[in-house]
C-alpha atoms as a PDB file:
ATOM      1  CA  MET A   1      10.090 -13.404 -47.723  1.00  0.00           C
ATOM      2  CA  SER A   2       8.097 -11.052 -45.499  1.00  0.00           C
ATOM      3  CA  GLU A   3       9.798  -9.443 -42.520  1.00  0.00           C
ATOM      4  CA  LEU A   4       8.386  -8.893 -39.062  1.00  0.00           C
ATOM      5  CA  ALA A   5       6.752  -5.483 -38.801  1.00  0.00           C
ATOM      6  CA  THR A   6       4.895  -5.686 -35.483  1.00  0.00           C
ATOM      7  CA  VAL A   7       5.503  -7.981 -32.517  1.00  0.00           C
ATOM      8  CA  GLY A   8       3.471  -8.431 -29.337  1.00  0.00           C
ATOM      9  CA  ILE A   9       5.225  -9.887 -26.302  1.00  0.00           C
ATOM     10  CA  ASP A  10       3.335 -11.302 -23.346  1.00  0.00           C
ATOM     11  CA  LEU A  11       5.863 -10.956 -20.538  1.00  0.00           C
ATOM     12  CA  ALA A  12       6.210 -13.493 -17.740  1.00  0.00           C
ATOM     13  CA  LYS A  13       8.802 -14.712 -15.253  1.00  0.00           C
ATOM     14  CA  SER A  14      10.412 -17.439 -17.359  1.00  0.00           C
ATOM     15  CA  VAL A  15       8.423 -18.151 -20.551  1.00  0.00           C
ATOM     16  CA  PHE A  16       7.414 -15.337 -22.930  1.00  0.00           C
ATOM     17  CA  GLN A  17       4.807 -15.612 -25.688  1.00  0.00           C
ATOM     18  CA  ILE A  18       5.622 -13.977 -29.039  1.00  0.00           C
ATOM     19  CA  HIS A  19       3.098 -12.972 -31.701  1.00  0.00           C
ATOM     20  CA  GLY A  20       4.534 -11.320 -34.828  1.00  0.00           C
ATOM     21  CA  VAL A  21       2.928 -10.112 -38.066  1.00  0.00           C
ATOM     22  CA  ASP A  22       4.176  -8.490 -41.260  1.00  0.00           C
ATOM     23  CA  GLU A  23       3.098  -5.112 -42.614  1.00  0.00           C
ATOM     24  CA  ASN A  24      -0.041  -6.687 -44.103  1.00  0.00           C
ATOM     25  CA  GLY A  25      -1.126  -8.313 -40.836  1.00  0.00           C
ATOM     26  CA  LEU A  26      -0.116 -11.844 -41.851  1.00  0.00           C
ATOM     27  CA  VAL A  27       0.979 -13.892 -38.841  1.00  0.00           C
ATOM     28  CA  LEU A  28       4.623 -14.934 -39.189  1.00  0.00           C
ATOM     29  CA  VAL A  29       5.565 -15.912 -35.645  1.00  0.00           C
ATOM     30  CA  ARG A  30       3.516 -17.475 -32.865  1.00  0.00           C
ATOM     31  CA  ARG A  31       5.754 -19.211 -30.349  1.00  0.00           C
ATOM     32  CA  GLN A  32       7.133 -19.291 -26.818  1.00  0.00           C
ATOM     33  CA  LEU A  33      10.604 -18.141 -25.821  1.00  0.00           C
ATOM     34  CA  ARG A  34      12.583 -18.700 -22.669  1.00  0.00           C
ATOM     35  CA  ARG A  35      14.036 -15.687 -20.861  1.00  0.00           C
ATOM     36  CA  SER A  36      17.515 -16.418 -22.215  1.00  0.00           C
ATOM     37  CA  GLN A  37      16.179 -16.627 -25.799  1.00  0.00           C
ATOM     38  CA  LEU A  38      14.284 -13.336 -25.989  1.00  0.00           C
ATOM     39  CA  LEU A  39      17.143 -10.961 -26.802  1.00  0.00           C
ATOM     40  CA  ALA A  40      18.735 -13.488 -29.167  1.00  0.00           C
ATOM     41  CA  PHE A  41      15.443 -13.670 -31.109  1.00  0.00           C
ATOM     42  CA  PHE A  42      15.500  -9.931 -31.871  1.00  0.00           C
ATOM     43  CA  GLN A  43      19.259  -9.666 -32.358  1.00  0.00           C
ATOM     44  CA  ASN A  44      20.253  -8.652 -35.909  1.00  0.00           C
ATOM     45  CA  ARG A  45      16.621  -8.421 -37.013  1.00  0.00           C
ATOM     46  CA  PRO A  46      15.374  -5.407 -38.994  1.00  0.00           C
ATOM     47  CA  ARG A  47      13.775  -2.632 -36.970  1.00  0.00           C
ATOM     48  CA  CYS A  48      10.214  -3.509 -35.955  1.00  0.00           C
ATOM     49  CA  LEU A  49       7.474  -2.236 -33.645  1.00  0.00           C
ATOM     50  CA  ILE A  50       7.369  -4.151 -30.362  1.00  0.00           C
ATOM     51  CA  GLY A  51       4.464  -3.878 -27.957  1.00  0.00           C
ATOM     52  CA  MET A  52       4.421  -4.949 -24.311  1.00  0.00           C
ATOM     53  CA  GLU A  53       2.220  -4.405 -21.292  1.00  0.00           C
ATOM     54  CA  ALA A  54       3.614  -2.061 -18.650  1.00  0.00           C
ATOM     55  CA  CYS A  55       4.486  -4.326 -15.722  1.00  0.00           C
ATOM     56  CA  ALA A  56       7.420  -5.407 -13.570  1.00  0.00           C
ATOM     57  CA  GLY A  57      10.441  -5.901 -15.814  1.00  0.00           C
ATOM     58  CA  ALA A  58       8.890  -4.175 -18.830  1.00  0.00           C
ATOM     59  CA  TYR A  59      11.120  -1.100 -18.492  1.00  0.00           C
ATOM     60  CA  ASP A  60      14.298  -3.196 -18.460  1.00  0.00           C
ATOM     61  CA  TRP A  61      13.265  -5.241 -21.488  1.00  0.00           C
ATOM     62  CA  GLY A  62      12.186  -2.072 -23.259  1.00  0.00           C
ATOM     63  CA  LEU A  63      15.574  -0.423 -22.752  1.00  0.00           C
ATOM     64  CA  ARG A  64      17.441  -3.523 -23.966  1.00  0.00           C
ATOM     65  CA  LEU A  65      15.328  -3.852 -27.098  1.00  0.00           C
ATOM     66  CA  GLN A  66      15.643  -0.131 -27.808  1.00  0.00           C
ATOM     67  CA  GLU A  67      19.425  -0.483 -27.717  1.00  0.00           C
ATOM     68  CA  MET A  68      19.055  -2.980 -30.576  1.00  0.00           C
ATOM     69  CA  GLY A  69      17.268  -0.305 -32.618  1.00  0.00           C
ATOM     70  CA  HIS A  70      13.673  -1.507 -32.250  1.00  0.00           C
ATOM     71  CA  ASP A  71      10.670   0.742 -31.582  1.00  0.00           C
ATOM     72  CA  VAL A  72       9.357  -0.408 -28.185  1.00  0.00           C
ATOM     73  CA  ARG A  73       6.051   0.805 -26.770  1.00  0.00           C
ATOM     74  CA  LEU A  74       4.485  -0.039 -23.410  1.00  0.00           C
ATOM     75  CA  MET A  75       0.732   0.003 -22.813  1.00  0.00           C
ATOM     76  CA  PRO A  76      -1.422  -0.162 -19.680  1.00  0.00           C
ATOM     77  CA  PRO A  77      -2.838  -3.710 -19.343  1.00  0.00           C
ATOM     78  CA  SER A  78      -6.376  -2.329 -18.989  1.00  0.00           C
ATOM     79  CA  TYR A  79      -6.079  -0.768 -22.453  1.00  0.00           C
ATOM     80  CA  VAL A  80      -4.994  -4.083 -23.992  1.00  0.00           C
ATOM     81  CA  LYS A  81      -7.722  -6.245 -22.451  1.00  0.00           C
ATOM     82  CA  PRO A  82     -10.505  -5.194 -24.907  1.00  0.00           C
ATOM     83  CA  TYR A  83      -8.449  -6.626 -27.780  1.00  0.00           C
ATOM     84  CA  VAL A  84      -8.417 -10.164 -26.326  1.00  0.00           C
ATOM     85  CA  LYS A  85     -10.811 -12.073 -28.565  1.00  0.00           C
ATOM     86  CA  ARG A  86     -11.695 -15.108 -26.464  1.00  0.00           C
ATOM     87  CA  GLY A  87     -10.328 -16.927 -23.466  1.00  0.00           C
ATOM     88  CA  LYS A  88      -7.319 -16.119 -21.318  1.00  0.00           C
ATOM     89  CA  THR A  89      -4.160 -17.669 -22.717  1.00  0.00           C
ATOM     90  CA  ASP A  90      -0.662 -16.387 -23.277  1.00  0.00           C
ATOM     91  CA  ALA A  91      -1.112 -16.718 -27.047  1.00  0.00           C
ATOM     92  CA  ALA A  92      -4.350 -14.713 -26.957  1.00  0.00           C
ATOM     93  CA  ASP A  93      -2.707 -12.015 -24.805  1.00  0.00           C
ATOM     94  CA  ALA A  94       0.268 -11.723 -27.153  1.00  0.00           C
ATOM     95  CA  ALA A  95      -2.036 -11.417 -30.167  1.00  0.00           C
ATOM     96  CA  ALA A  96      -4.056  -8.726 -28.372  1.00  0.00           C
ATOM     97  CA  ILE A  97      -0.869  -6.795 -27.563  1.00  0.00           C
ATOM     98  CA  CYS A  98       0.232  -7.028 -31.174  1.00  0.00           C
ATOM     99  CA  GLU A  99      -3.130  -5.662 -32.294  1.00  0.00           C
ATOM    100  CA  ALA A 100      -3.393  -2.924 -29.655  1.00  0.00           C
ATOM    101  CA  VAL A 101       0.051  -1.445 -30.254  1.00  0.00           C
ATOM    102  CA  THR A 102      -0.891  -0.510 -33.826  1.00  0.00           C
ATOM    103  CA  ARG A 103      -4.043   1.419 -32.871  1.00  0.00           C
ATOM    104  CA  PRO A 104      -3.653   5.162 -33.575  1.00  0.00           C
ATOM    105  CA  SER A 105      -5.702   6.092 -30.502  1.00  0.00           C
ATOM    106  CA  MET A 106      -3.680   3.931 -28.110  1.00  0.00           C
ATOM    107  CA  ARG A 107      -1.973   5.654 -25.173  1.00  0.00           C
ATOM    108  CA  PHE A 108       1.492   4.497 -24.247  1.00  0.00           C
ATOM    109  CA  VAL A 109       3.575   4.450 -21.083  1.00  0.00           C
ATOM    110  CA  ALA A 110       6.975   6.137 -21.268  1.00  0.00           C
ATOM    111  CA  ILE A 111       9.955   3.819 -20.788  1.00  0.00           C
ATOM    112  CA  LYS A 112      11.797   4.907 -17.659  1.00  0.00           C
ATOM    113  CA  SER A 113      15.566   5.276 -17.606  1.00  0.00           C
ATOM    114  CA  GLU A 114      17.707   3.509 -15.014  1.00  0.00           C
ATOM    115  CA  SER A 115      18.062   6.694 -12.962  1.00  0.00           C
ATOM    116  CA  CYS A 116      14.277   7.147 -12.887  1.00  0.00           C
ATOM    117  CA  SER A 117      13.810   3.539 -11.803  1.00  0.00           C
ATOM    118  CA  LEU A 118      16.281   4.159  -8.977  1.00  0.00           C
ATOM    119  CA  VAL A 119      14.186   7.043  -7.640  1.00  0.00           C
ATOM    120  CA  MET A 120      11.031   4.930  -7.893  1.00  0.00           C
ATOM    121  CA  VAL A 121      12.663   2.121  -5.893  1.00  0.00           C
ATOM    122  CA  LEU A 122      13.703   4.575  -3.169  1.00  0.00           C
ATOM    123  CA  HIS A 123      10.199   5.989  -2.807  1.00  0.00           C
ATOM    124  CA  ARG A 124       8.426   2.643  -3.000  1.00  0.00           C
ATOM    125  CA  THR A 125      10.727   1.052  -0.445  1.00  0.00           C
ATOM    126  CA  ARG A 126      10.290   3.977   1.921  1.00  0.00           C
ATOM    127  CA  ASP A 127       6.519   3.869   1.481  1.00  0.00           C
ATOM    128  CA  PHE A 128       6.580   0.119   2.210  1.00  0.00           C
ATOM    129  CA  LEU A 129       8.545   0.673   5.430  1.00  0.00           C
ATOM    130  CA  VAL A 130       6.194   3.475   6.500  1.00  0.00           C
ATOM    131  CA  ARG A 131       3.253   1.081   6.140  1.00  0.00           C
ATOM    132  CA  GLN A 132       5.137  -1.509   8.173  1.00  0.00           C
ATOM    133  CA  ARG A 133       5.853   1.061  10.868  1.00  0.00           C
ATOM    134  CA  THR A 134       2.152   1.887  11.043  1.00  0.00           C
ATOM    135  CA  GLN A 135       1.288  -1.804  11.366  1.00  0.00           C
ATOM    136  CA  ILE A 136       3.795  -2.286  14.177  1.00  0.00           C
ATOM    137  CA  GLY A 137       2.489   0.786  16.001  1.00  0.00           C
ATOM    138  CA  ASN A 138      -1.097  -0.451  15.712  1.00  0.00           C
ATOM    139  CA  ALA A 139      -0.081  -3.869  17.005  1.00  0.00           C
ATOM    140  CA  ILE A 140       1.668  -2.325  20.019  1.00  0.00           C
ATOM    141  CA  ARG A 141      -1.313  -0.111  20.767  1.00  0.00           C
ATOM    142  CA  ALA A 142      -3.727  -3.075  20.560  1.00  0.00           C
ATOM    143  CA  HIS A 143      -1.614  -5.354  22.772  1.00  0.00           C
ATOM    144  CA  MET A 144      -1.155  -2.677  25.411  1.00  0.00           C
ATOM    145  CA  THR A 145      -4.881  -1.967  25.404  1.00  0.00           C
ATOM    146  CA  GLU A 146      -5.516  -5.590  26.344  1.00  0.00           C
ATOM    147  CA  PHE A 147      -3.919  -4.775  29.703  1.00  0.00           C
ATOM    148  CA  GLY A 148      -5.708  -1.467  30.169  1.00  0.00           C
ATOM    149  CA  ILE A 149      -2.873   0.799  28.972  1.00  0.00           C
ATOM    150  CA  LYS A 150      -4.067   3.326  26.380  1.00  0.00           C
ATOM    151  CA  THR A 151      -2.601   6.366  24.687  1.00  0.00           C
ATOM    152  CA  ALA A 152      -3.660   9.155  22.365  1.00  0.00           C
ATOM    153  CA  LYS A 153      -3.547   8.855  18.581  1.00  0.00           C
ATOM    154  CA  GLY A 154      -0.304   9.486  16.717  1.00  0.00           C
ATOM    155  CA  ALA A 155       2.946   7.630  16.087  1.00  0.00           C
ATOM    156  CA  GLN A 156       4.791   9.789  18.615  1.00  0.00           C
ATOM    157  CA  ASN A 157       2.452   8.609  21.373  1.00  0.00           C
ATOM    158  CA  VAL A 158       3.101   4.935  20.575  1.00  0.00           C
ATOM    159  CA  LYS A 159       6.784   5.354  21.474  1.00  0.00           C
ATOM    160  CA  ARG A 160       5.791   6.700  24.884  1.00  0.00           C
ATOM    161  CA  LEU A 161       4.126   3.377  25.666  1.00  0.00           C
ATOM    162  CA  LYS A 162       7.579   1.839  25.976  1.00  0.00           C
ATOM    163  CA  GLU A 163       7.911   3.522  29.370  1.00  0.00           C
ATOM    164  CA  GLN A 164       4.899   1.543  30.618  1.00  0.00           C
ATOM    165  CA  VAL A 165       6.049  -1.922  29.539  1.00  0.00           C
ATOM    166  CA  ASP A 166       7.100  -2.641  33.133  1.00  0.00           C
ATOM    167  CA  GLN A 167       3.423  -2.503  34.112  1.00  0.00           C
ATOM    168  CA  LEU A 168       2.666  -5.563  31.999  1.00  0.00           C
ATOM    169  CA  PRO A 169       2.779  -9.147  33.277  1.00  0.00           C
ATOM    170  CA  GLN A 170       6.208 -10.761  32.971  1.00  0.00           C
ATOM    171  CA  ALA A 171       5.207 -13.082  30.115  1.00  0.00           C
ATOM    172  CA  ALA A 172       3.863 -10.169  28.009  1.00  0.00           C
ATOM    173  CA  ARG A 173       6.918  -7.939  28.294  1.00  0.00           C
ATOM    174  CA  MET A 174       9.257  -9.805  25.947  1.00  0.00           C
ATOM    175  CA  PRO A 175       6.911  -9.781  22.871  1.00  0.00           C
ATOM    176  CA  LEU A 176       6.222  -6.061  23.338  1.00  0.00           C
ATOM    177  CA  ILE A 177       9.927  -5.280  23.708  1.00  0.00           C
ATOM    178  CA  LEU A 178      10.573  -7.083  20.413  1.00  0.00           C
ATOM    179  CA  LEU A 179       7.902  -4.976  18.719  1.00  0.00           C
ATOM    180  CA  PHE A 180       9.410  -1.765  20.094  1.00  0.00           C
ATOM    181  CA  GLU A 181      12.847  -2.831  18.798  1.00  0.00           C
ATOM    182  CA  GLN A 182      11.351  -3.542  15.366  1.00  0.00           C
ATOM    183  CA  LEU A 183       9.657  -0.141  15.448  1.00  0.00           C
ATOM    184  CA  SER A 184      12.985   1.541  16.193  1.00  0.00           C
ATOM    185  CA  GLU A 185      14.697  -0.353  13.351  1.00  0.00           C
ATOM    186  CA  ALA A 186      11.937   0.705  10.934  1.00  0.00           C
ATOM    187  CA  ASP A 187      12.455   4.340  11.941  1.00  0.00           C
ATOM    188  CA  MET A 188      16.199   4.074  11.288  1.00  0.00           C
ATOM    189  CA  ARG A 189      15.661   2.547   7.844  1.00  0.00           C
ATOM    190  CA  ILE A 190      13.090   5.179   6.908  1.00  0.00           C
ATOM    191  CA  GLU A 191      15.506   7.951   7.927  1.00  0.00           C
ATOM    192  CA  ARG A 192      18.254   6.338   5.846  1.00  0.00           C
ATOM    193  CA  LEU A 193      16.031   6.190   2.759  1.00  0.00           C
ATOM    194  CA  THR A 194      14.894   9.766   3.358  1.00  0.00           C
ATOM    195  CA  GLY A 195      18.552  10.794   3.293  1.00  0.00           C
ATOM    196  CA  GLU A 196      19.025   9.021  -0.041  1.00  0.00           C
ATOM    197  CA  ILE A 197      15.986  10.823  -1.460  1.00  0.00           C
ATOM    198  CA  GLU A 198      17.379  14.153  -0.244  1.00  0.00           C
ATOM    199  CA  GLU A 199      20.683  13.350  -1.979  1.00  0.00           C
ATOM    200  CA  THR A 200      18.813  12.616  -5.218  1.00  0.00           C
ATOM    201  CA  TYR A 201      16.906  15.864  -4.810  1.00  0.00           C
ATOM    202  CA  SER A 202      20.113  17.894  -4.428  1.00  0.00           C
ATOM    203  CA  GLN A 203      21.409  16.505  -7.737  1.00  0.00           C
ATOM    204  CA  SER A 204      18.261  17.216  -9.789  1.00  0.00           C
ATOM    205  CA  GLU A 205      17.633  20.741 -11.044  1.00  0.00           C
ATOM    206  CA  THR A 206      14.096  19.806 -12.109  1.00  0.00           C
ATOM    207  CA  SER A 207      13.257  18.517  -8.638  1.00  0.00           C
ATOM    208  CA  GLN A 208      14.535  21.719  -7.069  1.00  0.00           C
ATOM    209  CA  ARG A 209      12.282  23.806  -9.302  1.00  0.00           C
ATOM    210  CA  LEU A 210       9.254  21.642  -8.512  1.00  0.00           C
ATOM    211  CA  ALA A 211       9.953  21.730  -4.769  1.00  0.00           C
ATOM    212  CA  MET A 212       9.353  25.491  -4.753  1.00  0.00           C
ATOM    213  CA  ILE A 213       5.636  24.817  -5.284  1.00  0.00           C
ATOM    214  CA  PRO A 214       3.876  24.826  -1.893  1.00  0.00           C
ATOM    215  CA  GLY A 215       3.041  21.287  -0.777  1.00  0.00           C
ATOM    216  CA  VAL A 216       5.469  19.482  -3.108  1.00  0.00           C
ATOM    217  CA  GLY A 217       8.715  19.205  -1.132  1.00  0.00           C
ATOM    218  CA  LEU A 218      10.842  16.079  -1.570  1.00  0.00           C
ATOM    219  CA  SER A 219       8.042  14.398  -3.530  1.00  0.00           C
ATOM    220  CA  ALA A 220       9.385  16.461  -6.441  1.00  0.00           C
ATOM    221  CA  THR A 221      11.910  13.657  -7.040  1.00  0.00           C
ATOM    222  CA  ILE A 222       9.265  11.024  -7.775  1.00  0.00           C
ATOM    223  CA  ILE A 223       7.278  13.504  -9.883  1.00  0.00           C
ATOM    224  CA  ALA A 224      10.312  14.286 -12.013  1.00  0.00           C
ATOM    225  CA  ALA A 225      11.079  10.569 -12.380  1.00  0.00           C
ATOM    226  CA  THR A 226       7.620   9.295 -13.315  1.00  0.00           C
ATOM    227  CA  THR A 227       6.021  12.150 -15.257  1.00  0.00           C
ATOM    228  CA  PRO A 228       6.241  11.604 -19.023  1.00  0.00           C
ATOM    229  CA  ASN A 229       6.938  14.359 -21.505  1.00  0.00           C
ATOM    230  CA  VAL A 230       4.338  17.014 -20.679  1.00  0.00           C
ATOM    231  CA  ASP A 231       4.100  17.887 -24.376  1.00  0.00           C
ATOM    232  CA  ASN A 232       1.919  14.776 -24.631  1.00  0.00           C
ATOM    233  CA  PHE A 233      -0.777  16.622 -22.656  1.00  0.00           C
ATOM    234  CA  ASP A 234      -2.880  19.250 -24.385  1.00  0.00           C
ATOM    235  CA  CYS A 235      -3.386  21.312 -21.236  1.00  0.00           C
ATOM    236  CA  ALA A 236      -2.834  21.367 -17.492  1.00  0.00           C
ATOM    237  CA  ARG A 237      -6.214  19.743 -16.837  1.00  0.00           C
ATOM    238  CA  ASP A 238      -5.173  16.722 -18.896  1.00  0.00           C
ATOM    239  CA  TYR A 239      -2.164  16.299 -16.625  1.00  0.00           C
ATOM    240  CA  ALA A 240      -4.405  16.543 -13.552  1.00  0.00           C
ATOM    241  CA  ALA A 241      -6.683  13.940 -15.139  1.00  0.00           C
ATOM    242  CA  TRP A 242      -3.637  11.709 -15.703  1.00  0.00           C
ATOM    243  CA  LEU A 243      -3.073  11.844 -11.942  1.00  0.00           C
ATOM    244  CA  GLY A 244      -6.738  11.003 -11.282  1.00  0.00           C
ATOM    245  CA  LEU A 245      -7.569  14.379  -9.707  1.00  0.00           C
ATOM    246  CA  THR A 246     -10.477  15.329 -11.973  1.00  0.00           C
ATOM    247  CA  PRO A 247     -14.164  14.319 -11.640  1.00  0.00           C
ATOM    248  CA  LYS A 248     -15.192  11.056 -13.231  1.00  0.00           C
ATOM    249  CA  PRO A 249     -17.967  11.750 -15.769  1.00  0.00           C
ATOM    250  CA  HIS A 250     -20.845   9.419 -16.509  1.00  0.00           C
ATOM    251  CA  SER A 251     -23.309  10.416 -19.185  1.00  0.00           C
ATOM    252  CA  THR A 252     -26.095   8.435 -20.809  1.00  0.00           C
ATOM    253  CA  GLY A 253     -29.236   9.421 -22.665  1.00  0.00           C
ATOM    254  CA  GLY A 254     -28.107  13.026 -22.860  1.00  0.00           C
ATOM    255  CA  LYS A 255     -27.872  13.301 -19.071  1.00  0.00           C
ATOM    256  CA  GLN A 256     -24.490  14.138 -17.616  1.00  0.00           C
ATOM    257  CA  ARG A 257     -23.496  13.174 -14.108  1.00  0.00           C
ATOM    258  CA  VAL A 258     -20.215  14.125 -12.483  1.00  0.00           C
ATOM    259  CA  GLY A 259     -19.065  12.009  -9.573  1.00  0.00           C
ATOM    260  CA  GLY A 260     -15.954  11.964  -7.419  1.00  0.00           C
ATOM    261  CA  ILE A 261     -12.409  12.027  -8.707  1.00  0.00           C
ATOM    262  CA  SER A 262     -11.477   9.243 -11.117  1.00  0.00           C
ATOM    263  CA  LYS A 263      -8.501   7.963  -9.034  1.00  0.00           C
ATOM    264  CA  MET A 264      -6.793   6.850 -12.239  1.00  0.00           C
ATOM    265  CA  GLY A 265      -3.058   6.949 -12.816  1.00  0.00           C
ATOM    266  CA  ASN A 266      -0.277   6.815 -10.235  1.00  0.00           C
ATOM    267  CA  ARG A 267      -1.994   6.634  -6.845  1.00  0.00           C
ATOM    268  CA  TYR A 268       1.275   7.134  -4.944  1.00  0.00           C
ATOM    269  CA  ILE A 269       1.808  10.565  -6.516  1.00  0.00           C
ATOM    270  CA  ARG A 270      -1.891  11.359  -6.103  1.00  0.00           C
ATOM    271  CA  ARG A 271      -1.674  10.504  -2.403  1.00  0.00           C
ATOM    272  CA  LEU A 272       1.416  12.683  -2.009  1.00  0.00           C
ATOM    273  CA  ARG A 273      -0.426  15.568  -3.634  1.00  0.00           C
ATOM    274  CA  TYR A 274      -3.358  15.090  -1.270  1.00  0.00           C
ATOM    275  CA  LEU A 275      -1.065  14.960   1.774  1.00  0.00           C
ATOM    276  CA  GLY A 276       0.741  18.063   0.546  1.00  0.00           C
ATOM    277  CA  ALA A 277      -2.581  19.858   0.214  1.00  0.00           C
ATOM    278  CA  MET A 278      -3.619  18.800   3.725  1.00  0.00           C
ATOM    279  CA  ALA A 279      -0.309  20.128   5.043  1.00  0.00           C
ATOM    280  CA  GLN A 280      -1.035  23.489   3.443  1.00  0.00           C
ATOM    281  CA  ILE A 281      -4.490  23.550   5.028  1.00  0.00           C
ATOM    282  CA  MET A 282      -3.114  22.680   8.471  1.00  0.00           C
ATOM    283  CA  LEU A 283      -0.477  25.383   8.128  1.00  0.00           C
ATOM    284  CA  ARG A 284      -3.121  27.928   7.188  1.00  0.00           C
ATOM    285  CA  ARG A 285      -5.177  27.053  10.245  1.00  0.00           C
ATOM    286  CA  ARG A 286      -2.161  27.326  12.534  1.00  0.00           C
ATOM    287  CA  LEU A 287      -1.468  30.808  11.223  1.00  0.00           C
ATOM    288  CA  LYS A 288      -5.059  31.674  12.161  1.00  0.00           C
ATOM    289  CA  ARG A 289      -5.358  34.052   9.229  1.00  0.00           C
ATOM    290  CA  GLU A 290      -8.516  36.091   9.121  1.00  0.00           C
ATOM    291  CA  SER A 291     -11.377  34.091   7.620  1.00  0.00           C
ATOM    292  CA  GLY A 292     -11.933  34.819   3.943  1.00  0.00           C
ATOM    293  CA  SER A 293      -8.755  36.886   3.629  1.00  0.00           C
ATOM    294  CA  ASP A 294      -7.551  34.732   0.711  1.00  0.00           C
ATOM    295  CA  ARG A 295      -8.819  32.082  -1.706  1.00  0.00           C
ATOM    296  CA  LEU A 296      -7.929  29.064   0.454  1.00  0.00           C
ATOM    297  CA  SER A 297      -9.529  30.487   3.585  1.00  0.00           C
ATOM    298  CA  GLY A 298     -12.666  31.308   1.629  1.00  0.00           C
ATOM    299  CA  MET A 299     -12.888  27.741   0.298  1.00  0.00           C
ATOM    300  CA  LEU A 300     -12.497  26.316   3.800  1.00  0.00           C
ATOM    301  CA  MET A 301     -15.456  28.409   4.926  1.00  0.00           C
ATOM    302  CA  ARG A 302     -17.716  27.035   2.172  1.00  0.00           C
ATOM    303  CA  LYS A 303     -16.570  23.436   1.700  1.00  0.00           C
ATOM    304  CA  LYS A 304     -15.467  20.444   3.735  1.00  0.00           C
ATOM    305  CA  THR A 305     -11.757  20.091   4.425  1.00  0.00           C
ATOM    306  CA  LYS A 306     -11.194  16.992   2.278  1.00  0.00           C
ATOM    307  CA  ILE A 307     -12.998  18.529  -0.686  1.00  0.00           C
ATOM    308  CA  VAL A 308     -10.808  21.606  -0.407  1.00  0.00           C
ATOM    309  CA  ALA A 309      -7.735  19.359  -0.205  1.00  0.00           C
ATOM    310  CA  ILE A 310      -8.662  17.655  -3.489  1.00  0.00           C
ATOM    311  CA  ALA A 311      -9.218  21.028  -5.159  1.00  0.00           C
ATOM    312  CA  LEU A 312      -5.871  22.250  -3.847  1.00  0.00           C
ATOM    313  CA  ALA A 313      -4.152  19.067  -5.063  1.00  0.00           C
ATOM    314  CA  HIS A 314      -5.693  19.647  -8.509  1.00  0.00           C
ATOM    315  CA  ARG A 315      -4.377  23.217  -8.532  1.00  0.00           C
ATOM    316  CA  MET A 316      -0.978  21.933  -7.432  1.00  0.00           C
ATOM    317  CA  ALA A 317      -0.955  19.523 -10.390  1.00  0.00           C
ATOM    318  CA  ARG A 318      -1.600  22.444 -12.761  1.00  0.00           C
ATOM    319  CA  MET A 319       1.352  24.329 -11.243  1.00  0.00           C
ATOM    320  CA  ILE A 320       3.577  21.266 -11.709  1.00  0.00           C
ATOM    321  CA  PHE A 321       2.500  21.046 -15.347  1.00  0.00           C
ATOM    322  CA  ALA A 322       3.363  24.707 -15.941  1.00  0.00           C
ATOM    323  CA  VAL A 323       6.816  24.369 -14.341  1.00  0.00           C
ATOM    324  CA  LEU A 324       7.632  21.221 -16.333  1.00  0.00           C
ATOM    325  CA  ARG A 325       6.313  22.637 -19.610  1.00  0.00           C
ATOM    326  CA  ASP A 326       8.008  26.033 -19.455  1.00  0.00           C
ATOM    327  CA  GLY A 327      11.164  24.987 -17.600  1.00  0.00           C
ATOM    328  CA  SER A 328      10.495  27.909 -15.269  1.00  0.00           C
ATOM    329  CA  ARG A 329      10.423  28.388 -11.524  1.00  0.00           C
ATOM    330  CA  TYR A 330       7.362  28.815  -9.388  1.00  0.00           C
ATOM    331  CA  GLU A 331       6.708  32.408  -8.451  1.00  0.00           C
ATOM    332  CA  PRO A 332       4.513  32.747  -5.347  1.00  0.00           C
ATOM    333  CA  GLN A 333       1.608  35.136  -5.713  1.00  0.00           C
ATOM    334  CA  ALA A 334       0.538  37.577  -3.090  1.00  0.00           C
ATOM    335  CA  ALA A 335      -2.449  36.398  -1.086  1.00  0.00           C
END
C-alpha cells in the first residue's frame, strides 16, 4: 500500500482540510479534520512533506509537526494562489498547497521558535498601543477644537491641553477627562512593553551587535527574531528586496521601467528602518554639519528628504545583512 509522501493542509479555526498524495502524485487522502484530530492523524506516520500557508497559528502547528519528525514548510498565501485550479473551496486550497510545496522554485517562510514569537508579540502589541495612543490624541485635539482650543502638532502638545479642560462647558469636561485618563494609561502600558523589549535586548548577543548600526536601536530585537537564515540570500541587495526596499521593476516589450519601492515583505520592519533613517537625517540637520561634507549631507542637497531616507534605509539593510552573515560587529567609518 502506498504511503503519504506530500500533504497540504488548509488551516482554519476549527476544521482543517487535508489533501495527501503519494510519491507518484496519486491522491490518497482528501478529508476534513477537527482541531483535536490533526495531530492524531500524523502521529506514528512515516516522515512526509507537509505544506501550509503562513498565517496565524501556522508556526505553532509547524513546530508540533516537526517534533513528530515530519518536514514542515510554510509558504506565503500569495505564492500558493496561482495553483488553485478553479473556485474557492477548502478542498481546492488544500490541493493547491499540496502542489505548491513540491515546486523547486517555491520560496518558504522560516518557522519561528517560541522565543522569536514572544519578541514578535511584544513588538506588535506595543505598535498596536502606539496606534491607539495616536487615535486618542487625535480625538482629544478634534474635540477641543470644537470649542476653539487649539494646539501645535505633536503628542507632547496634546497632553498640555489637559490644563485647558476647565475652559470647556461643564457637560463636555467629563468625556475629555476620560480620554486624557485613557491616554495616560496607554502611555504607561507602552512604557511597560518598552521595558520588556529592553530586557529581551539585553539577553540577545545578536541584537546587541545589530543595535550598533546607526538607526537600528531596540528594533534589533524584532530583526533578529524575524529574519530567516541570511545564507538563503545571494547578496545584501536580495535581503533589502526581501524587506521591500528596492525599486519595483516593470518591463514589457523590451522596455524597462523602474518605479517606487516594492513594499513587499515585513512592513513593520520596513517602517522601522524608514523611521531610523529619518532619525539619522534629523540628527544630521541638528548638528548643522557643513553642506556636502559627507555622503549623507551631499544626498540631502540633491534629493528630497524622503527619497534620501529610503536610500539610507536600503543601506542600513545591507549593513544588517553583513552583520548577520559574518557574525561581526558594525565598525563606524569616518565621515
